[in-house]
Amino acid sequence: MTDINKMIDEMPDEVYARLLSAVELGKWEDGSVLSAEQRDSTQQLVMLFQARRLNQTDHFTINRQGGVNELSKAELKRQFKGENIAAFKEDEL
């Protein structure tokens, strides 16, 4: 049996990106649909990679302790404060 920790530690970033895309889209790069079992195991690999290799602090991402980051409303407001979502030109108004 393969050691999952070793596999995650040695996984290239490109493989992680492909697995993440498959989970998000529900299909592999060739267009074939993921089975329920493939989706579940691929999602687990993505979450393990995120927890072990990425230092994520965004809302609803997996942290290094394996838990889900749940930011408060105040933290989310602070994070997006001053960030414009859209801008209009003067002549468009």
PDB file of N, CA and C in Angstrom:
ATOM      1  N   MET A   1       0.845  -1.185   0.000  1.00  0.00           N
ATOM      2  CA  MET A   1       0.000   0.000   0.000  1.00  0.00           C
ATOM      3  C   MET A   1       0.888   1.246   0.000  1.00  0.00           C
ATOM      4  N   THR A   2       0.536   2.211  -0.824  1.00  0.00           N
ATOM      5  CA  THR A   2       1.305   3.428  -0.943  1.00  0.00           C
ATOM      6  C   THR A   2       1.060   4.338   0.253  1.00  0.00           C
ATOM      7  N   ASP A   3       2.130   4.966   0.732  1.00  0.00           N
ATOM      8  CA  ASP A   3       2.013   5.916   1.828  1.00  0.00           C
ATOM      9  C   ASP A   3       1.437   7.218   1.275  1.00  0.00           C
ATOM     10  N   ILE A   4       0.236   7.574   1.712  1.00  0.00           N
ATOM     11  CA  ILE A   4      -0.458   8.743   1.186  1.00  0.00           C
ATOM     12  C   ILE A   4       0.318  10.033   1.470  1.00  0.00           C
ATOM     13  N   ASN A   5       0.970  10.120   2.615  1.00  0.00           N
ATOM     14  CA  ASN A   5       1.747  11.314   2.942  1.00  0.00           C
ATOM     15  C   ASN A   5       2.906  11.507   1.970  1.00  0.00           C
ATOM     16  N   LYS A   6       3.577  10.416   1.643  1.00  0.00           N
ATOM     17  CA  LYS A   6       4.688  10.490   0.698  1.00  0.00           C
ATOM     18  C   LYS A   6       4.176  10.892  -0.685  1.00  0.00           C
ATOM     19  N   MET A   7       3.036  10.326  -1.066  1.00  0.00           N
ATOM     20  CA  MET A   7       2.467  10.639  -2.367  1.00  0.00           C
ATOM     21  C   MET A   7       2.111  12.125  -2.455  1.00  0.00           C
ATOM     22  N   ILE A   8       1.502  12.680  -1.415  1.00  0.00           N
ATOM     23  CA  ILE A   8       1.146  14.101  -1.400  1.00  0.00           C
ATOM     24  C   ILE A   8       2.403  14.962  -1.415  1.00  0.00           C
ATOM     25  N   ASP A   9       3.399  14.596  -0.628  1.00  0.00           N
ATOM     26  CA  ASP A   9       4.648  15.375  -0.567  1.00  0.00           C
ATOM     27  C   ASP A   9       5.367  15.412  -1.911  1.00  0.00           C
ATOM     28  N   GLU A  10       5.255  14.350  -2.692  1.00  0.00           N
ATOM     29  CA  GLU A  10       5.961  14.257  -3.967  1.00  0.00           C
ATOM     30  C   GLU A  10       5.100  14.662  -5.169  1.00  0.00           C
ATOM     31  N   MET A  11       3.834  14.969  -4.936  1.00  0.00           N
ATOM     32  CA  MET A  11       2.930  15.300  -6.038  1.00  0.00           C
ATOM     33  C   MET A  11       3.327  16.643  -6.670  1.00  0.00           C
ATOM     34  N   PRO A  12       3.554  16.645  -7.986  1.00  0.00           N
ATOM     35  CA  PRO A  12       3.857  17.912  -8.667  1.00  0.00           C
ATOM     36  C   PRO A  12       2.645  18.842  -8.647  1.00  0.00           C
ATOM     37  N   ASP A  13       2.906  20.134  -8.654  1.00  0.00           N
ATOM     38  CA  ASP A  13       1.832  21.126  -8.649  1.00  0.00           C
ATOM     39  C   ASP A  13       0.892  20.954  -9.841  1.00  0.00           C
ATOM     40  N   GLU A  14       1.433  20.517 -10.979  1.00  0.00           N
ATOM     41  CA  GLU A  14       0.612  20.327 -12.183  1.00  0.00           C
ATOM     42  C   GLU A  14      -0.428  19.232 -11.973  1.00  0.00           C
ATOM     43  N   VAL A  15      -0.050  18.185 -11.265  1.00  0.00           N
ATOM     44  CA  VAL A  15      -0.983  17.090 -10.989  1.00  0.00           C
ATOM     45  C   VAL A  15      -2.086  17.592 -10.062  1.00  0.00           C
ATOM     46  N   TYR A  16      -1.702  18.358  -9.034  1.00  0.00           N
ATOM     47  CA  TYR A  16      -2.703  18.953  -8.140  1.00  0.00           C
ATOM     48  C   TYR A  16      -3.687  19.808  -8.938  1.00  0.00           C
ATOM     49  N   ALA A  17      -3.187  20.633  -9.847  1.00  0.00           N
ATOM     50  CA  ALA A  17      -4.048  21.508 -10.651  1.00  0.00           C
ATOM     51  C   ALA A  17      -5.023  20.685 -11.486  1.00  0.00           C
ATOM     52  N   ARG A  18      -4.566  19.569 -12.044  1.00  0.00           N
ATOM     53  CA  ARG A  18      -5.454  18.710 -12.842  1.00  0.00           C
ATOM     54  C   ARG A  18      -6.517  18.039 -11.982  1.00  0.00           C
ATOM     55  N   LEU A  19      -6.110  17.593 -10.799  1.00  0.00           N
ATOM     56  CA  LEU A  19      -7.071  16.974  -9.886  1.00  0.00           C
ATOM     57  C   LEU A  19      -8.111  17.996  -9.420  1.00  0.00           C
ATOM     58  N   LEU A  20      -7.653  19.197  -9.102  1.00  0.00           N
ATOM     59  CA  LEU A  20      -8.557  20.262  -8.673  1.00  0.00           C
ATOM     60  C   LEU A  20      -9.560  20.587  -9.777  1.00  0.00           C
ATOM     61  N   SER A  21      -9.073  20.683 -10.997  1.00  0.00           N
ATOM     62  CA  SER A  21      -9.950  20.959 -12.131  1.00  0.00           C
ATOM     63  C   SER A  21     -10.986  19.847 -12.305  1.00  0.00           C
ATOM     64  N   ALA A  22     -10.555  18.609 -12.157  1.00  0.00           N
ATOM     65  CA  ALA A  22     -11.474  17.473 -12.295  1.00  0.00           C
ATOM     66  C   ALA A  22     -12.574  17.523 -11.240  1.00  0.00           C
ATOM     67  N   VAL A  23     -12.204  17.865 -10.007  1.00  0.00           N
ATOM     68  CA  VAL A  23     -13.198  17.959  -8.943  1.00  0.00           C
ATOM     69  C   VAL A  23     -14.164  19.108  -9.219  1.00  0.00           C
ATOM     70  N   GLU A  24     -13.628  20.250  -9.648  1.00  0.00           N
ATOM     71  CA  GLU A  24     -14.470  21.423  -9.903  1.00  0.00           C
ATOM     72  C   GLU A  24     -15.428  21.199 -11.070  1.00  0.00           C
ATOM     73  N   LEU A  25     -14.939  20.562 -12.137  1.00  0.00           N
ATOM     74  CA  LEU A  25     -15.747  20.382 -13.344  1.00  0.00           C
ATOM     75  C   LEU A  25     -16.545  19.086 -13.365  1.00  0.00           C
ATOM     76  N   GLY A  26     -16.100  18.109 -12.573  1.00  0.00           N
ATOM     77  CA  GLY A  26     -16.780  16.824 -12.556  1.00  0.00           C
ATOM     78  C   GLY A  26     -16.380  15.921 -13.716  1.00  0.00           C
ATOM     79  N   LYS A  27     -15.288  16.285 -14.391  1.00  0.00           N
ATOM     80  CA  LYS A  27     -14.815  15.452 -15.500  1.00  0.00           C
ATOM     81  C   LYS A  27     -13.312  15.612 -15.650  1.00  0.00           C
ATOM     82  N   TRP A  28     -12.706  14.617 -16.285  1.00  0.00           N
ATOM     83  CA  TRP A  28     -11.277  14.641 -16.547  1.00  0.00           C
ATOM     84  C   TRP A  28     -10.998  15.527 -17.752  1.00  0.00           C
ATOM     85  N   GLU A  29      -9.730  15.783 -18.004  1.00  0.00           N
ATOM     86  CA  GLU A  29      -9.324  16.639 -19.128  1.00  0.00           C
ATOM     87  C   GLU A  29      -9.833  16.131 -20.470  1.00  0.00           C
ATOM     88  N   ASP A  30      -9.959  14.809 -20.613  1.00  0.00           N
ATOM     89  CA  ASP A  30     -10.422  14.242 -21.884  1.00  0.00           C
ATOM     90  C   ASP A  30     -11.941  14.309 -22.040  1.00  0.00           C
ATOM     91  N   GLY A  31     -12.632  14.848 -21.020  1.00  0.00           N
ATOM     92  CA  GLY A  31     -14.079  15.006 -21.094  1.00  0.00           C
ATOM     93  C   GLY A  31     -14.874  13.902 -20.440  1.00  0.00           C
ATOM     94  N   SER A  32     -14.211  12.812 -20.051  1.00  0.00           N
ATOM     95  CA  SER A  32     -14.955  11.720 -19.415  1.00  0.00           C
ATOM     96  C   SER A  32     -15.352  12.121 -17.989  1.00  0.00           C
ATOM     97  N   VAL A  33     -16.561  11.756 -17.622  1.00  0.00           N
ATOM     98  CA  VAL A  33     -17.135  12.143 -16.332  1.00  0.00           C
ATOM     99  C   VAL A  33     -16.526  11.300 -15.210  1.00  0.00           C
ATOM    100  N   LEU A  34     -16.267  11.937 -14.065  1.00  0.00           N
ATOM    101  CA  LEU A  34     -15.774  11.226 -12.893  1.00  0.00           C
ATOM    102  C   LEU A  34     -16.904  10.400 -12.301  1.00  0.00           C
ATOM    103  N   SER A  35     -16.591   9.177 -11.932  1.00  0.00           N
ATOM    104  CA  SER A  35     -17.570   8.369 -11.206  1.00  0.00           C
ATOM    105  C   SER A  35     -17.660   8.935  -9.785  1.00  0.00           C
ATOM    106  N   ALA A  36     -18.668   8.528  -9.048  1.00  0.00           N
ATOM    107  CA  ALA A  36     -18.826   8.996  -7.663  1.00  0.00           C
ATOM    108  C   ALA A  36     -17.597   8.632  -6.834  1.00  0.00           C
ATOM    109  N   GLU A  37     -17.078   7.427  -7.047  1.00  0.00           N
ATOM    110  CA  GLU A  37     -15.893   6.981  -6.308  1.00  0.00           C
ATOM    111  C   GLU A  37     -14.665   7.806  -6.693  1.00  0.00           C
ATOM    112  N   GLN A  38     -14.488   8.073  -7.986  1.00  0.00           N
ATOM    113  CA  GLN A  38     -13.366   8.899  -8.438  1.00  0.00           C
ATOM    114  C   GLN A  38     -13.466  10.317  -7.876  1.00  0.00           C
ATOM    115  N   ARG A  39     -14.688  10.874  -7.895  1.00  0.00           N
ATOM    116  CA  ARG A  39     -14.893  12.226  -7.381  1.00  0.00           C
ATOM    117  C   ARG A  39     -14.523  12.296  -5.902  1.00  0.00           C
ATOM    118  N   ASP A  40     -14.978  11.315  -5.126  1.00  0.00           N
ATOM    119  CA  ASP A  40     -14.700  11.304  -3.691  1.00  0.00           C
ATOM    120  C   ASP A  40     -13.209  11.182  -3.399  1.00  0.00           C
ATOM    121  N   SER A  41     -12.544  10.240  -4.049  1.00  0.00           N
ATOM    122  CA  SER A  41     -11.113  10.048  -3.779  1.00  0.00           C
ATOM    123  C   SER A  41     -10.280  11.210  -4.308  1.00  0.00           C
ATOM    124  N   THR A  42     -10.676  11.780  -5.444  1.00  0.00           N
ATOM    125  CA  THR A  42      -9.948  12.925  -5.997  1.00  0.00           C
ATOM    126  C   THR A  42     -10.117  14.136  -5.098  1.00  0.00           C
ATOM    127  N   GLN A  43     -11.307  14.341  -4.587  1.00  0.00           N
ATOM    128  CA  GLN A  43     -11.550  15.465  -3.681  1.00  0.00           C
ATOM    129  C   GLN A  43     -10.737  15.302  -2.393  1.00  0.00           C
ATOM    130  N   GLN A  44     -10.621  14.092  -1.903  1.00  0.00           N
ATOM    131  CA  GLN A  44      -9.814  13.840  -0.708  1.00  0.00           C
ATOM    132  C   GLN A  44      -8.346  14.162  -0.971  1.00  0.00           C
ATOM    133  N   LEU A  45      -7.839  13.768  -2.145  1.00  0.00           N
ATOM    134  CA  LEU A  45      -6.455  14.085  -2.494  1.00  0.00           C
ATOM    135  C   LEU A  45      -6.234  15.591  -2.579  1.00  0.00           C
ATOM    136  N   VAL A  46      -7.175  16.302  -3.179  1.00  0.00           N
ATOM    137  CA  VAL A  46      -7.074  17.762  -3.289  1.00  0.00           C
ATOM    138  C   VAL A  46      -7.030  18.384  -1.895  1.00  0.00           C
ATOM    139  N   MET A  47      -7.904  17.933  -1.018  1.00  0.00           N
ATOM    140  CA  MET A  47      -7.949  18.488   0.339  1.00  0.00           C
ATOM    141  C   MET A  47      -6.674  18.169   1.123  1.00  0.00           C
ATOM    142  N   LEU A  48      -6.144  16.971   0.953  1.00  0.00           N
ATOM    143  CA  LEU A  48      -4.881  16.614   1.617  1.00  0.00           C
ATOM    144  C   LEU A  48      -3.729  17.466   1.102  1.00  0.00           C
ATOM    145  N   PHE A  49      -3.679  17.670  -0.205  1.00  0.00           N
ATOM    146  CA  PHE A  49      -2.637  18.509  -0.794  1.00  0.00           C
ATOM    147  C   PHE A  49      -2.745  19.925  -0.235  1.00  0.00           C
ATOM    148  N   GLN A  50      -3.954  20.469  -0.191  1.00  0.00           N
ATOM    149  CA  GLN A  50      -4.158  21.823   0.324  1.00  0.00           C
ATOM    150  C   GLN A  50      -3.714  21.933   1.777  1.00  0.00           C
ATOM    151  N   ALA A  51      -4.053  20.935   2.574  1.00  0.00           N
ATOM    152  CA  ALA A  51      -3.705  20.964   3.991  1.00  0.00           C
ATOM    153  C   ALA A  51      -2.203  20.838   4.220  1.00  0.00           C
ATOM    154  N   ARG A  52      -1.545  19.973   3.454  1.00  0.00           N
ATOM    155  CA  ARG A  52      -0.124  19.709   3.678  1.00  0.00           C
ATOM    156  C   ARG A  52       0.811  20.665   2.958  1.00  0.00           C
ATOM    157  N   ARG A  53       0.432  21.135   1.776  1.00  0.00           N
ATOM    158  CA  ARG A  53       1.378  21.879   0.947  1.00  0.00           C
ATOM    159  C   ARG A  53       1.068  23.359   0.770  1.00  0.00           C
ATOM    160  N   LEU A  54      -0.188  23.740   0.951  1.00  0.00           N
ATOM    161  CA  LEU A  54      -0.563  25.134   0.747  1.00  0.00           C
ATOM    162  C   LEU A  54      -0.872  25.782   2.089  1.00  0.00           C
ATOM    163  N   ASN A  55      -0.453  27.006   2.244  1.00  0.00           N
ATOM    164  CA  ASN A  55      -0.758  27.743   3.469  1.00  0.00           C
ATOM    165  C   ASN A  55      -1.954  28.646   3.179  1.00  0.00           C
ATOM    166  N   GLN A  56      -3.121  28.047   3.191  1.00  0.00           N
ATOM    167  CA  GLN A  56      -4.328  28.765   2.807  1.00  0.00           C
ATOM    168  C   GLN A  56      -5.007  29.379   4.022  1.00  0.00           C
ATOM    169  N   THR A  57      -5.441  30.604   3.862  1.00  0.00           N
ATOM    170  CA  THR A  57      -6.159  31.283   4.928  1.00  0.00           C
ATOM    171  C   THR A  57      -7.504  31.809   4.444  1.00  0.00           C
ATOM    172  N   ASP A  58      -7.861  31.523   3.194  1.00  0.00           N
ATOM    173  CA  ASP A  58      -9.128  31.993   2.638  1.00  0.00           C
ATOM    174  C   ASP A  58     -10.302  31.245   3.274  1.00  0.00           C
ATOM    175  N   HIS A  59     -11.457  31.856   3.166  1.00  0.00           N
ATOM    176  CA  HIS A  59     -12.696  31.303   3.711  1.00  0.00           C
ATOM    177  C   HIS A  59     -13.010  29.952   3.055  1.00  0.00           C
ATOM    178  N   PHE A  60     -13.349  28.989   3.857  1.00  0.00           N
ATOM    179  CA  PHE A  60     -13.707  27.630   3.441  1.00  0.00           C
ATOM    180  C   PHE A  60     -12.603  26.922   2.662  1.00  0.00           C
ATOM    181  N   THR A  61     -11.361  27.143   3.048  1.00  0.00           N
ATOM    182  CA  THR A  61     -10.253  26.354   2.527  1.00  0.00           C
ATOM    183  C   THR A  61      -9.734  25.481   3.670  1.00  0.00           C
ATOM    184  N   ILE A  62      -8.931  24.499   3.337  1.00  0.00           N
ATOM    185  CA  ILE A  62      -8.403  23.574   4.335  1.00  0.00           C
ATOM    186  C   ILE A  62      -7.106  24.135   4.898  1.00  0.00           C
ATOM    187  N   ASN A  63      -7.010  24.221   6.228  1.00  0.00           N
ATOM    188  CA  ASN A  63      -5.787  24.745   6.842  1.00  0.00           C
ATOM    189  C   ASN A  63      -4.806  23.621   7.149  1.00  0.00           C
ATOM    190  N   ARG A  64      -3.643  23.973   7.645  1.00  0.00           N
ATOM    191  CA  ARG A  64      -2.576  22.984   7.890  1.00  0.00           C
ATOM    192  C   ARG A  64      -2.943  21.954   8.959  1.00  0.00           C
ATOM    193  N   GLN A  65      -3.904  22.277   9.819  1.00  0.00           N
ATOM    194  CA  GLN A  65      -4.339  21.327  10.839  1.00  0.00           C
ATOM    195  C   GLN A  65      -5.414  20.384  10.310  1.00  0.00           C
ATOM    196  N   GLY A  66      -5.822  20.579   9.047  1.00  0.00           N
ATOM    197  CA  GLY A  66      -6.823  19.723   8.443  1.00  0.00           C
ATOM    198  C   GLY A  66      -8.241  20.207   8.646  1.00  0.00           C
ATOM    199  N   GLY A  67      -8.388  21.346   9.299  1.00  0.00           N
ATOM    200  CA  GLY A  67      -9.721  21.907   9.518  1.00  0.00           C
ATOM    201  C   GLY A  67     -10.087  22.891   8.418  1.00  0.00           C
ATOM    202  N   VAL A  68     -11.328  23.311   8.436  1.00  0.00           N
ATOM    203  CA  VAL A  68     -11.816  24.269   7.450  1.00  0.00           C
ATOM    204  C   VAL A  68     -11.691  25.669   8.034  1.00  0.00           C
ATOM    205  N   ASN A  69     -11.102  26.586   7.257  1.00  0.00           N
ATOM    206  CA  ASN A  69     -11.035  27.988   7.661  1.00  0.00           C
ATOM    207  C   ASN A  69     -12.420  28.595   7.508  1.00  0.00           C
ATOM    208  N   GLU A  70     -12.967  29.053   8.605  1.00  0.00           N
ATOM    209  CA  GLU A  70     -14.265  29.724   8.566  1.00  0.00           C
ATOM    210  C   GLU A  70     -14.067  31.131   9.115  1.00  0.00           C
ATOM    211  N   LEU A  71     -13.998  32.093   8.214  1.00  0.00           N
ATOM    212  CA  LEU A  71     -13.776  33.472   8.615  1.00  0.00           C
ATOM    213  C   LEU A  71     -15.088  34.106   9.051  1.00  0.00           C
ATOM    214  N   SER A  72     -14.998  34.977  10.046  1.00  0.00           N
ATOM    215  CA  SER A  72     -16.192  35.686  10.500  1.00  0.00           C
ATOM    216  C   SER A  72     -16.582  36.745   9.471  1.00  0.00           C
ATOM    217  N   LYS A  73     -17.778  37.250   9.606  1.00  0.00           N
ATOM    218  CA  LYS A  73     -18.261  38.290   8.708  1.00  0.00           C
ATOM    219  C   LYS A  73     -17.343  39.514   8.780  1.00  0.00           C
ATOM    220  N   ALA A  74     -16.900  39.857   9.982  1.00  0.00           N
ATOM    221  CA  ALA A  74     -16.002  41.006  10.172  1.00  0.00           C
ATOM    222  C   ALA A  74     -14.658  40.769   9.469  1.00  0.00           C
ATOM    223  N   GLU A  75     -14.135  39.530   9.567  1.00  0.00           N
ATOM    224  CA  GLU A  75     -12.870  39.212   8.896  1.00  0.00           C
ATOM    225  C   GLU A  75     -13.006  39.288   7.384  1.00  0.00           C
ATOM    226  N   LEU A  76     -14.125  38.807   6.854  1.00  0.00           N
ATOM    227  CA  LEU A  76     -14.367  38.873   5.411  1.00  0.00           C
ATOM    228  C   LEU A  76     -14.495  40.321   4.945  1.00  0.00           C
ATOM    229  N   LYS A  77     -15.207  41.153   5.715  1.00  0.00           N
ATOM    230  CA  LYS A  77     -15.325  42.569   5.369  1.00  0.00           C
ATOM    231  C   LYS A  77     -13.961  43.238   5.354  1.00  0.00           C
ATOM    232  N   ARG A  78     -13.150  42.949   6.375  1.00  0.00           N
ATOM    233  CA  ARG A  78     -11.806  43.522   6.472  1.00  0.00           C
ATOM    234  C   ARG A  78     -10.948  43.078   5.288  1.00  0.00           C
ATOM    235  N   GLN A  79     -11.095  41.833   4.880  1.00  0.00           N
ATOM    236  CA  GLN A  79     -10.318  41.281   3.782  1.00  0.00           C
ATOM    237  C   GLN A  79     -10.649  41.971   2.457  1.00  0.00           C
ATOM    238  N   PHE A  80     -11.906  42.345   2.266  1.00  0.00           N
ATOM    239  CA  PHE A  80     -12.326  42.943   1.003  1.00  0.00           C
ATOM    240  C   PHE A  80     -12.488  44.458   1.067  1.00  0.00           C
ATOM    241  N   LYS A  81     -12.159  45.053   2.185  1.00  0.00           N
ATOM    242  CA  LYS A  81     -12.323  46.497   2.351  1.00  0.00           C
ATOM    243  C   LYS A  81     -11.476  47.254   1.337  1.00  0.00           C
ATOM    244  N   GLY A  82     -12.109  48.201   0.665  1.00  0.00           N
ATOM    245  CA  GLY A  82     -11.395  49.044  -0.287  1.00  0.00           C
ATOM    246  C   GLY A  82     -11.186  48.404  -1.646  1.00  0.00           C
ATOM    247  N   GLU A  83     -11.656  47.185  -1.821  1.00  0.00           N
ATOM    248  CA  GLU A  83     -11.481  46.492  -3.092  1.00  0.00           C
ATOM    249  C   GLU A  83     -12.702  46.750  -3.969  1.00  0.00           C
ATOM    250  N   ASN A  84     -12.506  47.384  -5.112  1.00  0.00           N
ATOM    251  CA  ASN A  84     -13.610  47.662  -6.028  1.00  0.00           C
ATOM    252  C   ASN A  84     -13.976  46.415  -6.804  1.00  0.00           C
ATOM    253  N   ILE A  85     -15.266  46.154  -6.879  1.00  0.00           N
ATOM    254  CA  ILE A  85     -15.750  45.017  -7.658  1.00  0.00           C
ATOM    255  C   ILE A  85     -15.909  45.422  -9.115  1.00  0.00           C
ATOM    256  N   ALA A  86     -16.408  46.646  -9.332  1.00  0.00           N
ATOM    257  CA  ALA A  86     -16.600  47.149 -10.690  1.00  0.00           C
ATOM    258  C   ALA A  86     -16.405  48.653 -10.679  1.00  0.00           C
ATOM    259  N   ALA A  87     -16.043  49.177 -11.829  1.00  0.00           N
ATOM    260  CA  ALA A  87     -15.868  50.627 -11.974  1.00  0.00           C
ATOM    261  C   ALA A  87     -16.549  51.052 -13.268  1.00  0.00           C
ATOM    262  N   PHE A  88     -17.189  52.200 -13.216  1.00  0.00           N
ATOM    263  CA  PHE A  88     -17.858  52.743 -14.398  1.00  0.00           C
ATOM    264  C   PHE A  88     -17.083  53.944 -14.906  1.00  0.00           C
ATOM    265  N   LYS A  89     -17.080  54.101 -16.195  1.00  0.00           N
ATOM    266  CA  LYS A  89     -16.480  55.287 -16.788  1.00  0.00           C
ATOM    267  C   LYS A  89     -17.471  56.424 -16.708  1.00  0.00           C
ATOM    268  N   GLU A  90     -16.965  57.640 -16.645  1.00  0.00           N
ATOM    269  CA  GLU A  90     -17.806  58.823 -16.529  1.00  0.00           C
ATOM    270  C   GLU A  90     -18.876  58.867 -17.627  1.00  0.00           C
ATOM    271  N   ASP A  91     -18.501  58.573 -18.874  1.00  0.00           N
ATOM    272  CA  ASP A  91     -19.440  58.702 -19.979  1.00  0.00           C
ATOM    273  C   ASP A  91     -20.498  57.596 -19.991  1.00  0.00           C
ATOM    274  N   GLU A  92     -20.361  56.570 -19.161  1.00  0.00           N
ATOM    275  CA  GLU A  92     -21.337  55.491 -19.082  1.00  0.00           C
ATOM    276  C   GLU A  92     -22.464  55.820 -18.106  1.00  0.00           C
ATOM    277  N   LEU A  93     -22.273  56.818 -17.280  1.00  0.00           N
ATOM    278  CA  LEU A  93     -23.274  57.150 -16.271  1.00  0.00           C
ATOM    279  C   LEU A  93     -24.381  57.993 -16.792  1.00  0.00           C
TER     280      LEU A  93
END
